[in-house]
């Protein structure tokens, strides 16, 4: 496919400006750029979710105009969105067949097809599971399965590996290579430049809404890609002064937490977790999904009561203090799934900004909210 001169404007913002991209059939074409560079908007245009203000799109040499995603699907284009497009209160099977009932029906044939695809690509999807009960990684797999179920020949994957562990990423890339060998085309959006270099046949870099160049993965480094993305030379790590100090900021000592599973069995979720984070330090916690990372975050923020252990923040014991007090003391959490657990999507930014802080200045005066001050502080 060929995109020529694609421009898309929103009030006060030019999301895409004169973008040119050529994607060859049977290749993995990566699209990279900083947050806000315009990648997702461009892919929504290609998928018929947005109409370009200017420019043309050609598929297999024929100029096309997509009025909705149905038009794109009819031309063999499928998209796996960065933010999931699933109905929580439906099963996996119901989500997959929704809008595609004519393909394999809505019963046993559809279930068999879903299982066939799931087994073929190692997705481990259970057709009768409720989507609301699935974790982030499983939801991502359902989205990928939806596209494959519809028989797409061109897949747009918007940050598909953001919630996958390395083993799952490797398996996904193996499958992409197999599909590519069968003539499938993949447009792969990612911030993970090492992944891009390992899987892509060609790379297009977008900066501030326009294309700034293409790169051959065989002759490009992650540093060169990053510099194209930001438009300047990056400093060498050796020239940076460390910010880490010897002063403990958060200490977790012998933290233990149990939970009761659906069968009524009490099991250890966290068992003897101990670590210290110093001022100016970034501490990484790694592990396959489901091994207690989410529960650890909840425990540190006071959203789960500890069975045992001590939490110390800047020298003060916070093991039994409520979440609100911990926020007031300077702790914060960005949830794994920000759309579901971190934001009110239909509320304006200033309302989201003061959630959990409504009693603090400048958001309130006495018992009343100060809406003007809350808006002004959000702008600040």
Protein backbone atom coordinates (compact mmCIF):
# COMPACT_ATOMS: atom_id res chain seq x y z
CA UNK A 1 0.00 0.00 0.00
CA UNK A 2 0.98 3.60 -0.60
CA UNK A 3 0.13 6.65 1.47
CA UNK A 4 0.88 9.98 -0.21
CA UNK A 5 0.61 13.45 1.30
CA UNK A 6 -1.57 12.33 4.21
CA UNK A 7 -2.60 15.31 6.36
CA UNK A 8 -5.01 15.30 9.30
CA UNK A 9 -5.92 18.35 11.38
CA UNK A 10 -7.81 18.61 14.67
CA UNK A 11 -8.75 21.90 16.40
CA UNK A 12 -5.45 23.50 17.34
CA UNK A 13 -3.38 20.47 16.31
CA UNK A 14 -1.95 19.10 13.06
CA UNK A 15 -1.65 15.39 13.86
CA UNK A 16 -0.29 14.34 10.44
CA UNK A 17 1.33 16.56 7.83
CA UNK A 18 2.25 15.45 4.31
CA UNK A 19 3.10 11.86 5.27
CA UNK A 20 4.45 9.50 2.61
CA UNK A 21 4.81 5.75 3.26
CA UNK A 22 5.17 2.75 0.96
CA UNK A 23 4.54 -0.71 2.43
CA UNK A 24 5.59 -3.71 0.33
CA UNK A 25 3.42 -6.82 0.22
CA UNK A 26 4.66 -9.70 2.37
CA UNK A 27 6.85 -7.58 4.67
CA UNK A 28 6.87 -6.38 8.25
CA UNK A 29 6.98 -2.58 8.06
CA UNK A 30 7.69 -0.81 11.36
CA UNK A 31 6.46 2.67 12.21
CA UNK A 32 8.33 4.41 15.02
CA UNK A 33 8.15 7.82 16.65
CA UNK A 34 7.78 9.53 20.00
CA UNK A 35 4.48 9.72 21.88
CA UNK A 36 2.29 12.24 20.05
CA UNK A 37 4.23 11.91 16.78
CA UNK A 38 1.03 10.96 14.92
CA UNK A 39 1.49 7.21 14.44
CA UNK A 40 -1.85 6.08 15.84
CA UNK A 41 -3.77 8.80 14.00
CA UNK A 42 -2.17 7.70 10.75
CA UNK A 43 -3.13 4.07 11.33
CA UNK A 44 -6.71 5.06 12.20
CA UNK A 45 -6.85 6.78 8.82
CA UNK A 46 -5.61 3.63 7.13
CA UNK A 47 -8.23 1.60 9.03
CA UNK A 48 -11.11 3.91 8.09
CA UNK A 49 -11.64 5.32 11.60
CA UNK A 50 -10.54 8.81 10.51
CA UNK A 51 -10.82 10.62 7.20
CA UNK A 52 -7.68 12.45 5.98
CA UNK A 53 -8.05 16.13 5.17
CA UNK A 54 -5.56 15.72 2.33
CA UNK A 55 -3.68 12.91 0.60
CA UNK A 56 -4.37 9.57 -1.04
CA UNK A 57 -4.26 5.87 -0.10
CA UNK A 58 -3.66 3.06 -2.59
CA UNK A 59 -4.00 -0.67 -1.85
CA UNK A 60 -2.46 -3.08 -4.38
CA UNK A 61 -2.08 -0.16 -6.79
CA UNK A 62 -5.74 0.89 -6.61
CA UNK A 63 -6.67 4.20 -4.98
CA UNK A 64 -9.18 3.69 -2.17
CA UNK A 65 -11.30 5.80 0.18
CA UNK A 66 -12.32 4.24 3.47
CA UNK A 67 -15.47 5.62 5.11
CA UNK A 68 -15.40 3.22 8.04
CA UNK A 69 -13.47 0.18 9.34
CA UNK A 70 -15.83 -2.12 7.41
CA UNK A 71 -14.40 -0.72 4.16
CA UNK A 72 -10.86 -1.44 5.35
CA UNK A 73 -11.76 -4.96 6.50
CA UNK A 74 -13.31 -5.63 3.09
CA UNK A 75 -9.91 -4.82 1.56
CA UNK A 76 -8.18 -7.28 3.91
CA UNK A 77 -6.90 -4.74 6.47
CA UNK A 78 -7.25 -5.49 10.18
CA UNK A 79 -6.11 -3.46 13.17
CA UNK A 80 -5.11 -4.47 16.69
CA UNK A 81 -5.59 -1.30 18.72
CA UNK A 82 -3.29 -0.07 21.45
CA UNK A 83 -6.33 0.44 23.70
CA UNK A 84 -8.57 -2.57 23.61
CA UNK A 85 -11.87 -2.58 21.69
CA UNK A 86 -13.60 -5.32 23.69
CA UNK A 87 -16.97 -5.63 25.44
CA UNK A 88 -16.28 -6.64 29.04
CA UNK A 89 -19.59 -8.41 29.64
CA UNK A 90 -19.34 -10.71 26.63
CA UNK A 91 -17.31 -13.89 26.27
CA UNK A 92 -14.20 -14.18 24.11
CA UNK A 93 -16.23 -16.01 21.45
CA UNK A 94 -18.93 -13.34 21.43
CA UNK A 95 -16.34 -10.57 21.09
CA UNK A 96 -14.58 -12.34 18.24
CA UNK A 97 -17.69 -13.14 16.18
CA UNK A 98 -19.38 -9.77 16.80
CA UNK A 99 -19.91 -8.26 13.36
CA UNK A 100 -18.56 -11.38 11.66
CA UNK A 101 -21.37 -13.81 12.36
CA UNK A 102 -21.61 -14.81 8.70
CA UNK A 103 -18.08 -16.25 8.64
CA UNK A 104 -18.47 -19.26 10.94
CA UNK A 105 -21.76 -18.65 12.72
CA UNK A 106 -21.96 -18.03 16.45
CA UNK A 107 -21.74 -21.57 17.83
CA UNK A 108 -19.63 -24.68 17.47
CA UNK A 109 -18.08 -23.78 14.10
CA UNK A 110 -16.96 -20.40 15.44
CA UNK A 111 -15.64 -22.01 18.64
CA UNK A 112 -13.68 -24.56 16.61
CA UNK A 113 -12.20 -21.83 14.38
CA UNK A 114 -11.18 -19.75 17.39
CA UNK A 115 -9.50 -22.76 18.97
CA UNK A 116 -7.75 -23.56 15.69
CA UNK A 117 -6.31 -20.04 15.42
CA UNK A 118 -5.44 -19.92 19.13
CA UNK A 119 -3.56 -23.22 18.94
CA UNK A 120 -1.82 -22.32 15.68
CA UNK A 121 -0.35 -19.09 17.06
CA UNK A 122 0.07 -20.07 20.72
CA UNK A 123 -2.41 -17.48 21.94
CA UNK A 124 -3.92 -19.67 24.67
CA UNK A 125 -7.35 -18.04 24.30
CA UNK A 126 -10.37 -19.70 25.93
CA UNK A 127 -13.51 -19.04 23.81
CA UNK A 128 -15.96 -19.19 26.73
CA UNK A 129 -14.01 -16.97 29.14
CA UNK A 130 -15.61 -13.65 30.11
CA UNK A 131 -13.51 -10.74 28.90
CA UNK A 132 -14.01 -8.87 32.20
CA UNK A 133 -12.12 -11.72 33.93
CA UNK A 134 -9.08 -11.51 31.63
CA UNK A 135 -5.82 -9.77 32.39
CA UNK A 136 -4.21 -7.21 30.10
CA UNK A 137 -2.06 -9.72 28.21
CA UNK A 138 -5.00 -12.05 27.56
CA UNK A 139 -7.10 -9.14 26.28
CA UNK A 140 -4.31 -8.29 23.86
CA UNK A 141 -4.32 -11.87 22.57
CA UNK A 142 -8.07 -11.73 22.01
CA UNK A 143 -7.59 -8.58 19.90
CA UNK A 144 -4.95 -10.32 17.79
CA UNK A 145 -7.21 -13.34 17.39
CA UNK A 146 -10.11 -11.11 16.24
CA UNK A 147 -8.03 -9.84 13.34
CA UNK A 148 -6.83 -13.30 12.32
CA UNK A 149 -10.40 -14.65 12.58
CA UNK A 150 -11.55 -12.11 9.98
CA UNK A 151 -8.90 -13.32 7.55
CA UNK A 152 -6.98 -10.06 7.29
CA UNK A 153 -4.04 -10.09 4.88
CA UNK A 154 -2.64 -6.81 6.19
CA UNK A 155 -2.35 -6.45 9.98
CA UNK A 156 -1.86 -3.12 11.73
CA UNK A 157 -0.41 -3.82 15.18
CA UNK A 158 -0.42 -0.73 17.41
CA UNK A 159 2.04 -1.38 20.27
CA UNK A 160 1.13 -5.09 20.37
CA UNK A 161 3.99 -6.13 22.65
CA UNK A 162 3.47 -3.48 25.33
CA UNK A 163 1.82 -6.00 27.67
CA UNK A 164 3.67 -9.17 26.65
CA UNK A 165 6.59 -10.78 28.47
CA UNK A 166 9.73 -11.55 26.42
CA UNK A 167 8.85 -15.21 25.79
CA UNK A 168 5.44 -14.17 24.44
CA UNK A 169 7.04 -11.51 22.25
CA UNK A 170 9.43 -14.07 20.79
CA UNK A 171 6.52 -16.40 20.03
CA UNK A 172 4.53 -13.59 18.41
CA UNK A 173 7.49 -12.61 16.22
CA UNK A 174 8.00 -16.23 15.14
CA UNK A 175 4.36 -16.31 14.05
CA UNK A 176 4.70 -13.01 12.20
CA UNK A 177 7.65 -14.40 10.26
CA UNK A 178 5.61 -17.48 9.31
CA UNK A 179 2.67 -15.35 8.20
CA UNK A 180 4.98 -13.08 6.25
CA UNK A 181 6.28 -16.13 4.39
CA UNK A 182 2.68 -16.80 3.35
CA UNK A 183 2.33 -13.31 1.90
CA UNK A 184 0.87 -11.54 4.93
CA UNK A 185 1.76 -7.87 5.43
CA UNK A 186 2.27 -6.37 8.89
CA UNK A 187 2.49 -2.72 9.90
CA UNK A 188 4.11 -2.76 13.33
CA UNK A 189 4.02 0.27 15.65
CA UNK A 190 6.33 0.15 18.65
CA UNK A 191 8.47 2.21 21.02
CA UNK A 192 10.74 -0.79 21.61
CA UNK A 193 13.48 -0.14 19.08
CA UNK A 194 15.28 -3.42 19.75
CA UNK A 195 12.09 -5.29 18.83
CA UNK A 196 11.66 -3.19 15.72
CA UNK A 197 15.17 -3.98 14.51
CA UNK A 198 14.69 -7.71 15.16
CA UNK A 199 11.40 -8.17 13.30
CA UNK A 200 11.05 -5.41 10.68
CA UNK A 201 12.05 -5.52 7.02
CA UNK A 202 11.80 -1.74 6.71
CA UNK A 203 11.32 1.11 9.18
CA UNK A 204 9.61 4.47 8.72
CA UNK A 205 10.30 7.19 11.31
CA UNK A 206 7.69 9.85 12.10
CA UNK A 207 8.56 13.04 13.98
CA UNK A 208 6.06 15.77 14.87
CA UNK A 209 3.45 14.44 12.49
CA UNK A 210 5.54 13.95 9.38
CA UNK A 211 7.84 11.30 7.93
CA UNK A 212 11.52 12.10 8.38
CA UNK A 213 13.09 9.02 6.85
CA UNK A 214 13.20 5.28 6.31
CA UNK A 215 15.78 2.86 7.63
CA UNK A 216 17.08 -0.60 6.82
CA UNK A 217 17.19 -2.63 10.06
CA UNK A 218 20.30 -4.48 8.87
CA UNK A 219 22.27 -1.23 8.76
CA UNK A 220 20.71 0.76 11.62
CA UNK A 221 21.28 0.94 15.38
CA UNK A 222 18.79 1.76 18.12
CA UNK A 223 20.72 4.98 18.83
CA UNK A 224 20.39 6.10 15.20
CA UNK A 225 16.66 5.37 15.24
CA UNK A 226 16.20 7.27 18.51
CA UNK A 227 18.05 10.28 17.12
CA UNK A 228 15.81 10.28 14.04
CA UNK A 229 12.79 10.18 16.34
CA UNK A 230 13.84 13.14 18.50
CA UNK A 231 15.71 15.13 15.84
CA UNK A 232 18.98 15.54 17.76
CA UNK A 233 22.02 13.60 18.87
CA UNK A 234 21.56 11.69 22.12
CA UNK A 235 24.15 12.01 24.90
CA UNK A 236 26.29 9.00 25.65
CA UNK A 237 25.34 7.16 28.86
CA UNK A 238 28.91 7.49 30.04
CA UNK A 239 28.59 11.29 30.12
CA UNK A 240 25.56 11.32 32.43
CA UNK A 241 25.98 11.92 36.13
CA UNK A 242 24.21 9.38 38.33
CA UNK A 243 21.24 10.63 40.37
CA UNK A 244 21.30 7.70 42.82
CA UNK A 245 22.03 8.53 46.47
CA UNK A 246 22.69 6.41 49.55
CA UNK A 247 19.51 7.66 51.25
CA UNK A 248 16.70 5.05 51.45
CA UNK A 249 13.35 6.40 50.19
CA UNK A 250 11.14 3.30 50.32
CA UNK A 251 11.97 0.13 52.24
CA UNK A 252 9.91 -3.06 51.91
CA UNK A 253 10.79 -5.60 54.60
CA UNK A 254 9.52 -9.22 54.60
CA UNK A 255 6.21 -8.33 52.95
CA UNK A 256 3.69 -11.18 52.89
CA UNK A 257 0.19 -11.29 51.44
CA UNK A 258 -2.34 -14.09 50.98
CA UNK A 259 -5.48 -14.28 48.84
CA UNK A 260 -8.42 -16.64 48.48
CA UNK A 261 -8.87 -18.10 45.00
CA UNK A 262 -12.31 -18.82 43.40
CA UNK A 263 -12.24 -22.35 44.88
CA UNK A 264 -11.87 -20.99 48.40
CA UNK A 265 -8.22 -21.99 48.74
CA UNK A 266 -5.97 -19.52 50.58
CA UNK A 267 -2.63 -19.13 48.84
CA UNK A 268 0.46 -16.97 49.24
CA UNK A 269 0.54 -14.14 46.68
CA UNK A 270 3.60 -12.38 48.11
CA UNK A 271 6.01 -14.26 50.36
CA UNK A 272 8.95 -12.51 52.00
CA UNK A 273 9.40 -9.60 49.56
CA UNK A 274 12.28 -7.35 50.64
CA UNK A 275 13.94 -4.47 48.79
CA UNK A 276 15.02 -0.84 49.20
CA UNK A 277 14.67 2.05 46.75
CA UNK A 278 17.06 4.97 47.30
CA UNK A 279 16.44 8.62 46.49
CA UNK A 280 17.11 9.31 42.81
CA UNK A 281 16.91 5.63 41.87
CA UNK A 282 14.78 3.69 39.38
CA UNK A 283 14.15 0.12 40.54
CA UNK A 284 12.86 -2.41 38.02
CA UNK A 285 10.71 -5.39 39.05
CA UNK A 286 10.51 -8.17 36.45
CA UNK A 287 8.45 -11.32 36.23
CA UNK A 288 5.94 -13.22 34.15
CA UNK A 289 2.43 -11.80 34.52
CA UNK A 290 0.50 -13.22 37.45
CA UNK A 291 3.46 -13.66 39.81
CA UNK A 292 2.44 -10.94 42.27
CA UNK A 293 3.56 -7.70 40.64
CA UNK A 294 0.07 -6.13 40.66
CA UNK A 295 -0.55 -7.23 44.25
CA UNK A 296 2.82 -5.77 45.28
CA UNK A 297 1.87 -2.38 43.83
CA UNK A 298 -1.52 -2.53 45.59
CA UNK A 299 0.16 -3.39 48.89
CA UNK A 300 2.71 -0.57 48.62
CA UNK A 301 -0.10 1.93 47.90
CA UNK A 302 -2.24 0.62 50.79
CA UNK A 303 -4.98 -0.83 48.55
CA UNK A 304 -4.43 -4.27 50.10
CA UNK A 305 -3.88 -5.04 53.78
CA UNK A 306 -0.64 -6.84 54.57
CA UNK A 307 -0.54 -10.16 56.41
CA UNK A 308 3.02 -9.41 57.51
CA UNK A 309 5.85 -6.98 56.83
CA UNK A 310 6.93 -3.37 57.24
CA UNK A 311 6.82 -0.52 54.73
CA UNK A 312 8.94 2.54 55.43
CA UNK A 313 8.65 5.77 53.41
CA UNK A 314 11.41 8.35 53.94
CA UNK A 315 12.06 6.98 57.43
CA UNK A 316 8.39 6.75 58.54
CA UNK A 317 6.47 3.48 59.03
CA UNK A 318 3.48 3.51 56.63
CA UNK A 319 2.55 -0.17 56.95
CA UNK A 320 -0.94 0.61 58.26
CA UNK A 321 -1.59 4.10 56.87
CA UNK A 322 -4.47 4.48 54.36
CA UNK A 323 -3.94 5.08 50.66
CA UNK A 324 -5.00 8.73 50.90
CA UNK A 325 -2.32 9.43 53.51
CA UNK A 326 0.31 7.76 51.34
CA UNK A 327 -0.69 9.98 48.41
CA UNK A 328 -0.44 13.05 50.63
CA UNK A 329 3.03 11.87 51.64
CA UNK A 330 4.10 11.90 47.98
CA UNK A 331 3.44 8.37 46.70
CA UNK A 332 1.53 7.81 43.46
CA UNK A 333 0.62 4.92 41.18
CA UNK A 334 0.06 4.74 37.43
CA UNK A 335 -2.03 1.58 36.93
CA UNK A 336 -1.17 -1.16 34.46
CA UNK A 337 -4.44 -0.52 32.60
CA UNK A 338 -4.83 3.24 32.82
CA UNK A 339 -8.09 3.38 30.87
CA UNK A 340 -9.89 0.94 33.17
CA UNK A 341 -8.36 1.82 36.53
CA UNK A 342 -6.73 5.24 36.27
CA UNK A 343 -9.04 7.59 34.37
CA UNK A 344 -12.63 8.74 33.96
CA UNK A 345 -12.58 8.84 30.16
CA UNK A 346 -15.78 10.86 29.81
CA UNK A 347 -14.71 13.51 32.34
CA UNK A 348 -12.53 16.54 31.47
CA UNK A 349 -8.84 16.63 32.33
CA UNK A 350 -9.19 18.95 35.33
CA UNK A 351 -11.70 16.60 36.99
CA UNK A 352 -9.35 13.64 36.50
CA UNK A 353 -6.49 15.74 37.81
CA UNK A 354 -8.13 16.40 41.22
CA UNK A 355 -9.45 12.87 41.83
CA UNK A 356 -8.17 11.81 45.23
CA UNK A 357 -7.00 15.36 45.95
CA UNK A 358 -10.32 17.18 46.29
CA UNK A 359 -9.65 18.23 49.89
CA UNK A 360 -6.26 19.77 49.07
CA UNK A 361 -5.48 23.32 48.03
CA UNK A 362 -5.93 24.80 45.51
CA UNK A 363 -8.72 22.38 44.60
CA UNK A 364 -10.92 23.35 47.53
CA UNK A 365 -11.69 26.11 50.00
CA UNK A 366 -12.96 24.63 53.21
CA UNK A 367 -15.80 22.23 52.41
CA UNK A 368 -16.29 23.46 48.83
CA UNK A 369 -14.49 22.75 45.58
CA UNK A 370 -12.78 25.72 43.94
CA UNK A 371 -13.42 24.84 40.30
CA UNK A 372 -11.66 27.88 38.88
CA UNK A 373 -8.52 27.21 40.90
CA UNK A 374 -8.65 23.48 40.05
CA UNK A 375 -8.78 24.29 36.33
CA UNK A 376 -5.97 26.84 36.66
CA UNK A 377 -3.76 24.37 38.56
CA UNK A 378 -4.40 21.71 35.92
CA UNK A 379 -3.33 24.20 33.23
CA UNK A 380 -0.20 24.90 35.25
